[in-house]
Amino acid sequence: MSDPAWNPIVGDGATICHYSDRTACTVVRVSPSGKTLYLQPDIATLDGWKPEILPGGFAGHCVNNHEQRYTYDADPTAPLHRASLRKDGRYRTTCGEHVVPGRHQFHDYNF
């Protein structure tokens, strides 16, 4: 959940939270009122992490999912996402996904 006291500025890291995956972004524009953010996804590169899959069940289970570590680089060609400040003090994309401060890329290998 995002921090209601977060006042994003251009250059800040942000994360769009999907169902279980997360996309790390950079704030590239903030409206003068501060109520609209424009986010550009970063290039997130895994730091040597490999999924450890245990067989069983329908497909198998990744037991080291939360050990993923990424490095981030700007991607000026990535499409922009817009997020607006809601009444609860949190930012959400036009699709309703939460936006939280900081870069926290995550891919859930169990889905």
C-alpha atoms as a PDB file:
ATOM      1  CA  MET A   1       0.000   0.000   0.000  1.00  0.00           C
ATOM      2  CA  SER A   2       1.322   3.442  -0.840  1.00  0.00           C
ATOM      3  CA  ASP A   3       2.407   6.037   1.675  1.00  0.00           C
ATOM      4  CA  PRO A   4      -0.268   8.771   1.958  1.00  0.00           C
ATOM      5  CA  ALA A   5       2.478  11.273   2.880  1.00  0.00           C
ATOM      6  CA  TRP A   6       4.405  10.609  -0.359  1.00  0.00           C
ATOM      7  CA  ASN A   7       4.914  13.770  -2.423  1.00  0.00           C
ATOM      8  CA  PRO A   8       6.546  12.465  -5.610  1.00  0.00           C
ATOM      9  CA  ILE A   9       8.907  14.574  -7.695  1.00  0.00           C
ATOM     10  CA  VAL A  10      10.403  14.006 -11.143  1.00  0.00           C
ATOM     11  CA  GLY A  11      13.151  11.375 -10.927  1.00  0.00           C
ATOM     12  CA  ASP A  12      11.645   9.480  -7.987  1.00  0.00           C
ATOM     13  CA  GLY A  13      11.303   5.725  -8.195  1.00  0.00           C
ATOM     14  CA  ALA A  14       7.791   4.312  -8.092  1.00  0.00           C
ATOM     15  CA  THR A  15       6.220   0.886  -8.440  1.00  0.00           C
ATOM     16  CA  ILE A  16       2.984  -0.120 -10.116  1.00  0.00           C
ATOM     17  CA  CYS A  17       1.445  -3.032  -8.196  1.00  0.00           C
ATOM     18  CA  HIS A  18      -0.373  -5.557 -10.354  1.00  0.00           C
ATOM     19  CA  TYR A  19      -2.091  -8.628  -8.884  1.00  0.00           C
ATOM     20  CA  SER A  20       1.132 -10.259  -7.682  1.00  0.00           C
ATOM     21  CA  ASP A  21       3.752  -8.795 -10.044  1.00  0.00           C
ATOM     22  CA  ARG A  22       5.220  -5.316  -9.696  1.00  0.00           C
ATOM     23  CA  THR A  23       6.705  -2.960 -12.281  1.00  0.00           C
ATOM     24  CA  ALA A  24       9.456  -0.524 -11.267  1.00  0.00           C
ATOM     25  CA  CYS A  25       9.114   2.929 -12.825  1.00  0.00           C
ATOM     26  CA  THR A  26      10.514   6.441 -12.766  1.00  0.00           C
ATOM     27  CA  VAL A  27       8.327   9.498 -12.227  1.00  0.00           C
ATOM     28  CA  VAL A  28       8.894  11.547 -15.401  1.00  0.00           C
ATOM     29  CA  ARG A  29       6.255  14.231 -14.918  1.00  0.00           C
ATOM     30  CA  VAL A  30       4.058  15.561 -12.124  1.00  0.00           C
ATOM     31  CA  SER A  31       1.129  17.864 -12.795  1.00  0.00           C
ATOM     32  CA  PRO A  32       1.336  21.357 -11.239  1.00  0.00           C
ATOM     33  CA  SER A  33      -1.357  20.361  -8.734  1.00  0.00           C
ATOM     34  CA  GLY A  34       0.585  17.180  -7.825  1.00  0.00           C
ATOM     35  CA  LYS A  35      -2.546  15.096  -8.410  1.00  0.00           C
ATOM     36  CA  THR A  36      -1.376  13.358 -11.593  1.00  0.00           C
ATOM     37  CA  LEU A  37       1.835  11.402 -12.133  1.00  0.00           C
ATOM     38  CA  TYR A  38       3.326  10.125 -15.354  1.00  0.00           C
ATOM     39  CA  LEU A  39       5.403   6.989 -14.870  1.00  0.00           C
ATOM     40  CA  GLN A  40       7.827   5.321 -17.262  1.00  0.00           C
ATOM     41  CA  PRO A  41       8.744   1.666 -16.634  1.00  0.00           C
ATOM     42  CA  ASP A  42      12.432   1.023 -15.994  1.00  0.00           C
ATOM     43  CA  ILE A  43      14.610  -1.712 -17.425  1.00  0.00           C
ATOM     44  CA  ALA A  44      14.892  -4.111 -14.495  1.00  0.00           C
ATOM     45  CA  THR A  45      17.704  -6.670 -14.670  1.00  0.00           C
ATOM     46  CA  LEU A  46      17.927  -9.607 -12.276  1.00  0.00           C
ATOM     47  CA  ASP A  47      21.224  -9.754 -10.345  1.00  0.00           C
ATOM     48  CA  GLY A  48      22.162 -13.381 -11.038  1.00  0.00           C
ATOM     49  CA  TRP A  49      19.036 -14.803  -9.375  1.00  0.00           C
ATOM     50  CA  LYS A  50      17.574 -18.024 -10.760  1.00  0.00           C
ATOM     51  CA  PRO A  51      14.210 -19.499  -9.737  1.00  0.00           C
ATOM     52  CA  GLU A  52      14.444 -22.660  -7.657  1.00  0.00           C
ATOM     53  CA  ILE A  53      11.436 -24.734  -8.698  1.00  0.00           C
ATOM     54  CA  LEU A  54      10.352 -27.756  -6.679  1.00  0.00           C
ATOM     55  CA  PRO A  55       8.283 -30.270  -8.650  1.00  0.00           C
ATOM     56  CA  GLY A  56       4.827 -31.159  -7.488  1.00  0.00           C
ATOM     57  CA  GLY A  57       1.216 -30.231  -7.874  1.00  0.00           C
ATOM     58  CA  PHE A  58      -0.003 -28.903 -11.189  1.00  0.00           C
ATOM     59  CA  ALA A  59       3.206 -27.137 -12.169  1.00  0.00           C
ATOM     60  CA  GLY A  60       5.806 -26.841  -9.411  1.00  0.00           C
ATOM     61  CA  HIS A  61       6.593 -24.195  -6.839  1.00  0.00           C
ATOM     62  CA  CYS A  62       9.284 -21.493  -6.773  1.00  0.00           C
ATOM     63  CA  VAL A  63      10.693 -21.525  -3.225  1.00  0.00           C
ATOM     64  CA  ASN A  64      13.098 -18.565  -3.546  1.00  0.00           C
ATOM     65  CA  ASN A  65      10.680 -16.107  -5.182  1.00  0.00           C
ATOM     66  CA  HIS A  66      11.225 -13.317  -2.646  1.00  0.00           C
ATOM     67  CA  GLU A  67      15.019 -13.377  -3.006  1.00  0.00           C
ATOM     68  CA  GLN A  68      14.877 -11.580  -6.368  1.00  0.00           C
ATOM     69  CA  ARG A  69      17.177  -8.526  -6.591  1.00  0.00           C
ATOM     70  CA  TYR A  70      17.214  -6.139  -9.524  1.00  0.00           C
ATOM     71  CA  THR A  71      19.266  -3.289 -10.924  1.00  0.00           C
ATOM     72  CA  TYR A  72      17.398  -0.501 -12.682  1.00  0.00           C
ATOM     73  CA  ASP A  73      18.096   1.607 -15.747  1.00  0.00           C
ATOM     74  CA  ALA A  74      15.917   4.236 -17.391  1.00  0.00           C
ATOM     75  CA  ASP A  75      14.042   3.234 -20.540  1.00  0.00           C
ATOM     76  CA  PRO A  76      13.201   6.430 -22.451  1.00  0.00           C
ATOM     77  CA  THR A  77      11.332   4.396 -25.101  1.00  0.00           C
ATOM     78  CA  ALA A  78       8.887   2.777 -22.657  1.00  0.00           C
ATOM     79  CA  PRO A  79       5.253   3.913 -22.800  1.00  0.00           C
ATOM     80  CA  LEU A  80       4.014   6.266 -20.089  1.00  0.00           C
ATOM     81  CA  HIS A  81       1.488   5.284 -17.431  1.00  0.00           C
ATOM     82  CA  ARG A  82      -0.711   7.884 -15.772  1.00  0.00           C
ATOM     83  CA  ALA A  83      -1.682   7.719 -12.112  1.00  0.00           C
ATOM     84  CA  SER A  84      -3.941  10.049 -10.193  1.00  0.00           C
ATOM     85  CA  LEU A  85      -4.252  10.916  -6.537  1.00  0.00           C
ATOM     86  CA  ARG A  86      -7.429   9.442  -5.065  1.00  0.00           C
ATOM     87  CA  LYS A  87      -9.540  10.615  -2.152  1.00  0.00           C
ATOM     88  CA  ASP A  88      -7.795   8.142   0.165  1.00  0.00           C
ATOM     89  CA  GLY A  89      -4.466   9.943  -0.470  1.00  0.00           C
ATOM     90  CA  ARG A  90      -2.986   7.174  -2.603  1.00  0.00           C
ATOM     91  CA  TYR A  91      -2.050   7.126  -6.281  1.00  0.00           C
ATOM     92  CA  ARG A  92      -3.666   4.665  -8.696  1.00  0.00           C
ATOM     93  CA  THR A  93      -3.222   4.099 -12.415  1.00  0.00           C
ATOM     94  CA  THR A  94      -6.114   4.517 -14.826  1.00  0.00           C
ATOM     95  CA  CYS A  95      -6.635   0.728 -14.467  1.00  0.00           C
ATOM     96  CA  GLY A  96      -6.942   1.072 -10.677  1.00  0.00           C
ATOM     97  CA  GLU A  97      -3.538  -0.428  -9.792  1.00  0.00           C
ATOM     98  CA  HIS A  98      -1.775   0.962  -6.706  1.00  0.00           C
ATOM     99  CA  VAL A  99       1.379   3.031  -7.135  1.00  0.00           C
ATOM    100  CA  VAL A 100       3.857   2.955  -4.254  1.00  0.00           C
ATOM    101  CA  PRO A 101       7.082   4.920  -3.686  1.00  0.00           C
ATOM    102  CA  GLY A 102      10.418   3.283  -4.550  1.00  0.00           C
ATOM    103  CA  ARG A 103      11.499   0.759  -7.165  1.00  0.00           C
ATOM    104  CA  HIS A 104      10.380  -2.765  -6.260  1.00  0.00           C
ATOM    105  CA  GLN A 105      10.333  -4.932  -9.399  1.00  0.00           C
ATOM    106  CA  PHE A 106       8.921  -8.409  -8.777  1.00  0.00           C
ATOM    107  CA  HIS A 107       7.812 -11.302 -10.952  1.00  0.00           C
ATOM    108  CA  ASP A 108       5.805 -14.006  -9.226  1.00  0.00           C
ATOM    109  CA  TYR A 109       7.034 -17.293 -10.671  1.00  0.00           C
ATOM    110  CA  ASN A 110       4.220 -19.184  -8.911  1.00  0.00           C
ATOM    111  CA  PHE A 111       1.542 -17.795 -11.252  1.00  0.00           C
END
